[in-house]
């Protein structure tokens, strides 16, 4: 089901506190692009970090929300760190995830 032809959902993020808001947004955007295109791994870099985002196509739950899990491994000025994303699509996409009737 699509609402006006647009796919939509939620992204939940756990990332290092040393990242700027812009860097967090870049990582979340990368995870969503990978989800939409079916990619399994992508290198990422910015002024504050470099690393990779990857997925093993696992579905995980966060409270009542579930989604495909993406992980990130980063090298920052403060050292190595990791992050995790859940991408939850509310419209039916290629993965056949849950959908909203809105």
C-alpha atoms as a PDB file:
ATOM      1  CA  UNK A   1       0.000   0.000   0.000  1.00  0.00           C
ATOM      2  CA  UNK A   2       1.312   3.425  -0.883  1.00  0.00           C
ATOM      3  CA  UNK A   3      -0.044   6.769   0.212  1.00  0.00           C
ATOM      4  CA  UNK A   4      -0.032   9.072  -2.821  1.00  0.00           C
ATOM      5  CA  UNK A   5       2.755   6.982  -4.381  1.00  0.00           C
ATOM      6  CA  UNK A   6       5.239   7.662  -1.601  1.00  0.00           C
ATOM      7  CA  UNK A   7       7.040   4.987   0.415  1.00  0.00           C
ATOM      8  CA  UNK A   8       7.508   5.995   4.024  1.00  0.00           C
ATOM      9  CA  UNK A   9       8.559   4.656   7.387  1.00  0.00           C
ATOM     10  CA  UNK A  10      10.723   5.263  10.444  1.00  0.00           C
ATOM     11  CA  UNK A  11      14.423   5.025  11.213  1.00  0.00           C
ATOM     12  CA  UNK A  12      15.626   4.330  14.751  1.00  0.00           C
ATOM     13  CA  UNK A  13      19.261   5.134  15.451  1.00  0.00           C
ATOM     14  CA  UNK A  14      21.788   4.367  18.166  1.00  0.00           C
ATOM     15  CA  UNK A  15      25.014   6.135  17.256  1.00  0.00           C
ATOM     16  CA  UNK A  16      28.112   7.595  18.938  1.00  0.00           C
ATOM     17  CA  UNK A  17      27.499  10.843  20.809  1.00  0.00           C
ATOM     18  CA  UNK A  18      30.566  12.437  19.204  1.00  0.00           C
ATOM     19  CA  UNK A  19      28.831  12.668  15.809  1.00  0.00           C
ATOM     20  CA  UNK A  20      27.236  15.916  14.711  1.00  0.00           C
ATOM     21  CA  UNK A  21      23.557  16.048  13.825  1.00  0.00           C
ATOM     22  CA  UNK A  22      24.541  16.353  10.168  1.00  0.00           C
ATOM     23  CA  UNK A  23      26.702  13.214  10.394  1.00  0.00           C
ATOM     24  CA  UNK A  24      23.886  11.284  12.099  1.00  0.00           C
ATOM     25  CA  UNK A  25      21.515  12.355   9.352  1.00  0.00           C
ATOM     26  CA  UNK A  26      24.011  11.251   6.705  1.00  0.00           C
ATOM     27  CA  UNK A  27      24.269   7.792   8.283  1.00  0.00           C
ATOM     28  CA  UNK A  28      20.482   7.426   8.551  1.00  0.00           C
ATOM     29  CA  UNK A  29      20.063   8.520   4.929  1.00  0.00           C
ATOM     30  CA  UNK A  30      22.670   5.950   3.884  1.00  0.00           C
ATOM     31  CA  UNK A  31      20.800   3.167   5.726  1.00  0.00           C
ATOM     32  CA  UNK A  32      17.487   4.142   4.096  1.00  0.00           C
ATOM     33  CA  UNK A  33      19.046   4.311   0.621  1.00  0.00           C
ATOM     34  CA  UNK A  34      20.591   0.879   1.184  1.00  0.00           C
ATOM     35  CA  UNK A  35      17.236  -0.500   2.368  1.00  0.00           C
ATOM     36  CA  UNK A  36      15.424   0.882  -0.693  1.00  0.00           C
ATOM     37  CA  UNK A  37      18.043  -0.403  -3.149  1.00  0.00           C
ATOM     38  CA  UNK A  38      18.685  -3.745  -1.423  1.00  0.00           C
ATOM     39  CA  UNK A  39      22.391  -3.042  -0.818  1.00  0.00           C
ATOM     40  CA  UNK A  40      24.217  -5.042   1.825  1.00  0.00           C
ATOM     41  CA  UNK A  41      27.248  -2.810   2.428  1.00  0.00           C
ATOM     42  CA  UNK A  42      28.429   0.724   1.711  1.00  0.00           C
ATOM     43  CA  UNK A  43      31.504   2.738   2.687  1.00  0.00           C
ATOM     44  CA  UNK A  44      30.781   6.125   4.289  1.00  0.00           C
ATOM     45  CA  UNK A  45      32.898   9.117   5.197  1.00  0.00           C
ATOM     46  CA  UNK A  46      32.556  12.666   6.404  1.00  0.00           C
ATOM     47  CA  UNK A  47      34.688  15.282   8.104  1.00  0.00           C
ATOM     48  CA  UNK A  48      34.036  13.604  11.483  1.00  0.00           C
ATOM     49  CA  UNK A  49      34.319   9.923  10.565  1.00  0.00           C
ATOM     50  CA  UNK A  50      34.899   7.178   8.034  1.00  0.00           C
ATOM     51  CA  UNK A  51      33.661   3.608   8.062  1.00  0.00           C
ATOM     52  CA  UNK A  52      31.015   1.322   6.652  1.00  0.00           C
ATOM     53  CA  UNK A  53      27.297   0.641   6.958  1.00  0.00           C
ATOM     54  CA  UNK A  54      26.186  -2.962   6.457  1.00  0.00           C
ATOM     55  CA  UNK A  55      23.245  -5.296   6.978  1.00  0.00           C
ATOM     56  CA  UNK A  56      22.737  -9.008   7.368  1.00  0.00           C
ATOM     57  CA  UNK A  57      19.042  -8.480   6.436  1.00  0.00           C
ATOM     58  CA  UNK A  58      17.894  -9.352   9.941  1.00  0.00           C
ATOM     59  CA  UNK A  59      14.550  -8.137  11.254  1.00  0.00           C
ATOM     60  CA  UNK A  60      14.613  -6.852  14.847  1.00  0.00           C
ATOM     61  CA  UNK A  61      12.148  -5.263  17.241  1.00  0.00           C
ATOM     62  CA  UNK A  62      12.362  -2.038  19.259  1.00  0.00           C
ATOM     63  CA  UNK A  63       9.314  -1.979  21.482  1.00  0.00           C
ATOM     64  CA  UNK A  64       6.349  -2.334  19.144  1.00  0.00           C
ATOM     65  CA  UNK A  65       8.296  -1.320  16.042  1.00  0.00           C
ATOM     66  CA  UNK A  66      10.273  -3.734  13.921  1.00  0.00           C
ATOM     67  CA  UNK A  67      12.539  -3.267  10.962  1.00  0.00           C
ATOM     68  CA  UNK A  68      15.598  -4.328   9.058  1.00  0.00           C
ATOM     69  CA  UNK A  69      18.742  -3.863  11.121  1.00  0.00           C
ATOM     70  CA  UNK A  70      21.743  -1.952   9.781  1.00  0.00           C
ATOM     71  CA  UNK A  71      25.051  -1.639  11.618  1.00  0.00           C
ATOM     72  CA  UNK A  72      27.783   0.954  11.260  1.00  0.00           C
ATOM     73  CA  UNK A  73      31.460   0.671  12.163  1.00  0.00           C
ATOM     74  CA  UNK A  74      33.240   4.006  12.395  1.00  0.00           C
ATOM     75  CA  UNK A  75      36.677   5.496  12.893  1.00  0.00           C
ATOM     76  CA  UNK A  76      36.342   8.927  14.512  1.00  0.00           C
ATOM     77  CA  UNK A  77      38.833  11.398  15.960  1.00  0.00           C
ATOM     78  CA  UNK A  78      37.984   9.832  19.340  1.00  0.00           C
ATOM     79  CA  UNK A  79      38.646   6.261  18.127  1.00  0.00           C
ATOM     80  CA  UNK A  80      36.570   3.316  16.897  1.00  0.00           C
ATOM     81  CA  UNK A  81      32.825   3.222  17.521  1.00  0.00           C
ATOM     82  CA  UNK A  82      29.669   1.498  16.333  1.00  0.00           C
ATOM     83  CA  UNK A  83      26.035   2.301  15.701  1.00  0.00           C
ATOM     84  CA  UNK A  84      22.802   0.475  14.890  1.00  0.00           C
ATOM     85  CA  UNK A  85      19.733   1.403  12.849  1.00  0.00           C
ATOM     86  CA  UNK A  86      16.315  -0.124  12.396  1.00  0.00           C
ATOM     87  CA  UNK A  87      14.610   0.858   9.151  1.00  0.00           C
ATOM     88  CA  UNK A  88      10.858   0.346   9.479  1.00  0.00           C
ATOM     89  CA  UNK A  89       8.854   0.784   6.294  1.00  0.00           C
ATOM     90  CA  UNK A  90       5.174   1.573   6.766  1.00  0.00           C
ATOM     91  CA  UNK A  91       4.300   0.983   3.116  1.00  0.00           C
ATOM     92  CA  UNK A  92       4.809  -2.343   1.409  1.00  0.00           C
ATOM     93  CA  UNK A  93       8.180  -2.394  -0.276  1.00  0.00           C
ATOM     94  CA  UNK A  94      10.292  -5.208  -1.702  1.00  0.00           C
ATOM     95  CA  UNK A  95      10.719  -6.721   1.758  1.00  0.00           C
ATOM     96  CA  UNK A  96       6.970  -7.069   2.346  1.00  0.00           C
ATOM     97  CA  UNK A  97       7.180  -5.263   5.663  1.00  0.00           C
ATOM     98  CA  UNK A  98       4.260  -4.005   7.666  1.00  0.00           C
ATOM     99  CA  UNK A  99       2.120  -1.184   6.407  1.00  0.00           C
ATOM    100  CA  UNK A 100      -0.109   1.573   7.710  1.00  0.00           C
ATOM    101  CA  UNK A 101      -3.673   1.987   6.538  1.00  0.00           C
ATOM    102  CA  UNK A 102      -3.329   5.798   6.698  1.00  0.00           C
END
